[in-house]
Amino acid sequence: MQVSPDEPIVKSLIGVVEDRTGVRPKMFGKAAGTDASWLVRDAGIPTVLYGPGDPRLSHTPDEYVELEKVTEAARVFAVLAADVLGIESG
């Protein structure tokens, strides 16, 4: 699947991550199986993947995520949801 960087969900995620972490997220493709491909291809719903940790370690024998990064991602998810729904997140 591929989603345009001009999609509102992409712009919103970039803005929330940058606002919450002070770092502009790197956008890249990754070969993986997720429900996102179904959402984009079959339902026409622009979809992004985001999560904590080093993507190079995902689904490897030594995979781990620092607790601080899990908390950071949870905050990003909450603010992103509020942003998409048009709710003031403060």
N, C-alpha and C. Protein backbone atom coordinates (compact mmCIF):
# COMPACT_ATOMS: atom_id res chain seq x y z
N MET A 1 0.83 -1.18 0.00
CA MET A 1 0.00 0.00 0.00
C MET A 1 0.88 1.23 0.00
N GLN A 2 0.34 2.29 -0.52
CA GLN A 2 1.04 3.56 -0.51
C GLN A 2 0.02 4.66 -0.31
N VAL A 3 0.34 5.61 0.53
CA VAL A 3 -0.55 6.72 0.83
C VAL A 3 0.20 8.02 0.55
N SER A 4 -0.47 8.96 -0.08
CA SER A 4 0.14 10.24 -0.40
C SER A 4 0.53 11.01 0.87
N PRO A 5 1.68 11.65 0.85
CA PRO A 5 2.06 12.47 2.00
C PRO A 5 1.14 13.68 2.19
N ASP A 6 0.29 13.95 1.20
CA ASP A 6 -0.65 15.06 1.29
C ASP A 6 -1.96 14.68 1.96
N GLU A 7 -2.15 13.39 2.29
CA GLU A 7 -3.37 12.96 2.96
C GLU A 7 -3.45 13.61 4.35
N PRO A 8 -4.63 14.03 4.77
CA PRO A 8 -4.78 14.65 6.09
C PRO A 8 -4.24 13.79 7.24
N ILE A 9 -4.43 12.47 7.19
CA ILE A 9 -3.94 11.61 8.29
C ILE A 9 -2.42 11.65 8.37
N VAL A 10 -1.76 11.73 7.23
CA VAL A 10 -0.30 11.79 7.20
C VAL A 10 0.18 13.12 7.79
N LYS A 11 -0.43 14.21 7.31
CA LYS A 11 -0.05 15.53 7.81
C LYS A 11 -0.32 15.65 9.31
N SER A 12 -1.45 15.12 9.74
CA SER A 12 -1.80 15.18 11.16
C SER A 12 -0.80 14.40 12.00
N LEU A 13 -0.46 13.19 11.58
CA LEU A 13 0.50 12.38 12.33
C LEU A 13 1.85 13.08 12.41
N ILE A 14 2.32 13.59 11.30
CA ILE A 14 3.61 14.30 11.30
C ILE A 14 3.57 15.46 12.30
N GLY A 15 2.49 16.24 12.26
CA GLY A 15 2.37 17.39 13.16
C GLY A 15 2.33 16.99 14.62
N VAL A 16 1.55 15.95 14.93
CA VAL A 16 1.44 15.51 16.32
C VAL A 16 2.77 14.96 16.83
N VAL A 17 3.43 14.12 16.03
CA VAL A 17 4.71 13.56 16.46
C VAL A 17 5.73 14.67 16.67
N GLU A 18 5.78 15.60 15.73
CA GLU A 18 6.74 16.70 15.85
C GLU A 18 6.43 17.55 17.08
N ASP A 19 5.15 17.83 17.32
CA ASP A 19 4.75 18.64 18.47
C ASP A 19 5.07 17.93 19.79
N ARG A 20 4.81 16.63 19.87
CA ARG A 20 4.98 15.88 21.11
C ARG A 20 6.42 15.46 21.38
N THR A 21 7.19 15.23 20.33
CA THR A 21 8.55 14.72 20.53
C THR A 21 9.65 15.72 20.18
N GLY A 22 9.28 16.75 19.41
CA GLY A 22 10.28 17.71 18.96
C GLY A 22 11.07 17.22 17.77
N VAL A 23 10.70 16.06 17.24
CA VAL A 23 11.42 15.47 16.10
C VAL A 23 10.43 15.20 14.98
N ARG A 24 10.80 15.62 13.77
CA ARG A 24 9.95 15.32 12.60
C ARG A 24 10.14 13.84 12.25
N PRO A 25 9.04 13.09 12.19
CA PRO A 25 9.20 11.66 11.91
C PRO A 25 9.67 11.39 10.49
N LYS A 26 10.43 10.34 10.32
CA LYS A 26 10.88 9.91 9.00
C LYS A 26 9.78 9.05 8.40
N MET A 27 9.41 9.35 7.19
CA MET A 27 8.39 8.58 6.50
C MET A 27 9.11 7.57 5.60
N PHE A 28 8.69 6.32 5.68
CA PHE A 28 9.33 5.29 4.86
C PHE A 28 8.38 4.12 4.68
N GLY A 29 8.68 3.31 3.71
CA GLY A 29 7.90 2.11 3.47
C GLY A 29 8.54 0.93 4.18
N LYS A 30 7.74 -0.08 4.46
CA LYS A 30 8.24 -1.26 5.14
C LYS A 30 7.45 -2.46 4.63
N ALA A 31 8.16 -3.51 4.31
CA ALA A 31 7.49 -4.74 3.90
C ALA A 31 7.01 -5.47 5.15
N ALA A 32 5.70 -5.54 5.30
CA ALA A 32 5.13 -6.19 6.47
C ALA A 32 3.66 -6.49 6.18
N GLY A 33 3.12 -7.39 6.93
CA GLY A 33 1.70 -7.69 6.79
C GLY A 33 0.91 -6.98 7.88
N THR A 34 0.00 -6.10 7.48
CA THR A 34 -0.85 -5.39 8.43
C THR A 34 -2.25 -5.26 7.82
N ASP A 35 -3.20 -4.85 8.63
CA ASP A 35 -4.54 -4.59 8.13
C ASP A 35 -4.58 -3.31 7.30
N ALA A 36 -3.53 -2.51 7.35
CA ALA A 36 -3.51 -1.25 6.62
C ALA A 36 -3.71 -1.46 5.12
N SER A 37 -3.13 -2.52 4.58
CA SER A 37 -3.28 -2.75 3.13
C SER A 37 -4.75 -2.97 2.77
N TRP A 38 -5.49 -3.66 3.61
CA TRP A 38 -6.92 -3.87 3.36
C TRP A 38 -7.67 -2.55 3.43
N LEU A 39 -7.34 -1.74 4.43
CA LEU A 39 -8.02 -0.46 4.60
C LEU A 39 -7.79 0.46 3.40
N VAL A 40 -6.56 0.51 2.93
CA VAL A 40 -6.23 1.38 1.81
C VAL A 40 -6.78 0.82 0.51
N ARG A 41 -6.46 -0.40 0.20
CA ARG A 41 -6.82 -0.99 -1.09
C ARG A 41 -8.31 -1.28 -1.21
N ASP A 42 -8.89 -1.93 -0.23
CA ASP A 42 -10.27 -2.39 -0.36
C ASP A 42 -11.30 -1.39 0.13
N ALA A 43 -10.97 -0.60 1.14
CA ALA A 43 -11.95 0.33 1.70
C ALA A 43 -11.67 1.78 1.30
N GLY A 44 -10.50 2.03 0.69
CA GLY A 44 -10.17 3.39 0.28
C GLY A 44 -9.92 4.35 1.43
N ILE A 45 -9.49 3.79 2.57
CA ILE A 45 -9.23 4.61 3.75
C ILE A 45 -7.72 4.88 3.85
N PRO A 46 -7.29 6.13 3.68
CA PRO A 46 -5.87 6.43 3.84
C PRO A 46 -5.40 6.04 5.24
N THR A 47 -4.31 5.32 5.30
CA THR A 47 -3.86 4.72 6.55
C THR A 47 -2.36 4.89 6.72
N VAL A 48 -1.93 5.14 7.95
CA VAL A 48 -0.51 5.23 8.25
C VAL A 48 -0.18 4.24 9.37
N LEU A 49 1.06 3.84 9.42
CA LEU A 49 1.54 2.97 10.50
C LEU A 49 2.48 3.79 11.36
N TYR A 50 2.33 3.65 12.66
CA TYR A 50 3.19 4.38 13.60
C TYR A 50 3.26 3.58 14.88
N GLY A 51 4.42 3.55 15.48
CA GLY A 51 4.55 2.86 16.75
C GLY A 51 5.90 3.11 17.38
N PRO A 52 6.05 2.67 18.60
CA PRO A 52 7.30 2.91 19.33
C PRO A 52 8.40 1.94 18.91
N GLY A 53 9.60 2.32 19.21
CA GLY A 53 10.73 1.41 19.01
C GLY A 53 11.44 1.59 17.69
N ASP A 54 12.49 0.84 17.54
CA ASP A 54 13.33 0.86 16.35
C ASP A 54 12.72 -0.11 15.33
N PRO A 55 12.27 0.39 14.17
CA PRO A 55 11.64 -0.50 13.19
C PRO A 55 12.56 -1.60 12.68
N ARG A 56 13.86 -1.42 12.81
CA ARG A 56 14.78 -2.48 12.37
C ARG A 56 14.73 -3.68 13.29
N LEU A 57 14.23 -3.48 14.51
CA LEU A 57 14.16 -4.58 15.47
C LEU A 57 12.81 -5.30 15.47
N SER A 58 11.82 -4.72 14.78
CA SER A 58 10.49 -5.31 14.84
C SER A 58 10.48 -6.71 14.23
N HIS A 59 9.80 -7.58 14.94
CA HIS A 59 9.63 -8.98 14.52
C HIS A 59 10.96 -9.71 14.36
N THR A 60 11.91 -9.41 15.25
CA THR A 60 13.19 -10.10 15.26
C THR A 60 13.32 -10.83 16.60
N PRO A 61 14.23 -11.78 16.71
CA PRO A 61 14.38 -12.50 17.98
C PRO A 61 14.74 -11.60 19.16
N ASP A 62 15.45 -10.51 18.91
CA ASP A 62 15.87 -9.62 20.00
C ASP A 62 15.03 -8.35 20.07
N GLU A 63 13.80 -8.40 19.59
CA GLU A 63 12.93 -7.22 19.60
C GLU A 63 12.69 -6.73 21.02
N TYR A 64 12.73 -5.41 21.19
CA TYR A 64 12.39 -4.80 22.47
C TYR A 64 11.97 -3.36 22.21
N VAL A 65 11.27 -2.77 23.16
CA VAL A 65 10.86 -1.38 23.08
C VAL A 65 11.06 -0.77 24.46
N GLU A 66 11.67 0.40 24.50
CA GLU A 66 11.86 1.10 25.76
C GLU A 66 10.51 1.61 26.26
N LEU A 67 10.25 1.46 27.55
CA LEU A 67 8.98 1.86 28.14
C LEU A 67 8.67 3.34 27.87
N GLU A 68 9.69 4.18 27.91
CA GLU A 68 9.50 5.60 27.62
C GLU A 68 8.92 5.81 26.22
N LYS A 69 9.36 5.01 25.26
CA LYS A 69 8.87 5.13 23.88
C LYS A 69 7.43 4.63 23.76
N VAL A 70 7.05 3.65 24.56
CA VAL A 70 5.66 3.17 24.57
C VAL A 70 4.74 4.27 25.09
N THR A 71 5.15 4.92 26.17
CA THR A 71 4.38 6.02 26.74
C THR A 71 4.27 7.17 25.75
N GLU A 72 5.36 7.50 25.11
CA GLU A 72 5.37 8.57 24.11
C GLU A 72 4.40 8.25 22.97
N ALA A 73 4.44 7.03 22.48
CA ALA A 73 3.55 6.61 21.39
C ALA A 73 2.09 6.66 21.82
N ALA A 74 1.80 6.26 23.04
CA ALA A 74 0.42 6.30 23.55
C ALA A 74 -0.09 7.73 23.56
N ARG A 75 0.75 8.66 23.95
CA ARG A 75 0.35 10.08 23.94
C ARG A 75 0.12 10.56 22.51
N VAL A 76 0.98 10.15 21.60
CA VAL A 76 0.81 10.53 20.20
C VAL A 76 -0.51 9.97 19.68
N PHE A 77 -0.82 8.71 19.97
CA PHE A 77 -2.08 8.11 19.52
C PHE A 77 -3.28 8.88 20.04
N ALA A 78 -3.25 9.26 21.32
CA ALA A 78 -4.38 9.97 21.93
C ALA A 78 -4.58 11.34 21.27
N VAL A 79 -3.50 12.07 21.09
CA VAL A 79 -3.60 13.41 20.49
C VAL A 79 -3.98 13.29 19.02
N LEU A 80 -3.44 12.30 18.32
CA LEU A 80 -3.79 12.10 16.91
C LEU A 80 -5.28 11.79 16.77
N ALA A 81 -5.81 10.93 17.61
CA ALA A 81 -7.23 10.60 17.57
C ALA A 81 -8.07 11.86 17.80
N ALA A 82 -7.71 12.66 18.78
CA ALA A 82 -8.44 13.89 19.06
C ALA A 82 -8.36 14.84 17.86
N ASP A 83 -7.19 14.93 17.27
CA ASP A 83 -6.99 15.81 16.11
C ASP A 83 -7.87 15.36 14.94
N VAL A 84 -7.85 14.08 14.65
CA VAL A 84 -8.64 13.54 13.52
C VAL A 84 -10.13 13.74 13.76
N LEU A 85 -10.56 13.60 15.02
CA LEU A 85 -11.97 13.75 15.37
C LEU A 85 -12.39 15.21 15.59
N GLY A 86 -11.42 16.14 15.53
CA GLY A 86 -11.73 17.54 15.70
C GLY A 86 -11.99 17.93 17.15
N ILE A 87 -11.38 17.20 18.06
CA ILE A 87 -11.54 17.46 19.49
C ILE A 87 -10.33 18.23 19.99
N GLU A 88 -10.56 19.28 20.75
CA GLU A 88 -9.46 20.05 21.33
C GLU A 88 -8.74 19.17 22.36
N SER A 89 -7.44 18.92 22.16
CA SER A 89 -6.72 18.01 23.06
C SER A 89 -5.94 18.73 24.15
N GLY A 90 -5.75 20.01 24.01
CA GLY A 90 -5.07 20.78 25.04
C GLY A 90 -3.74 20.39 25.29
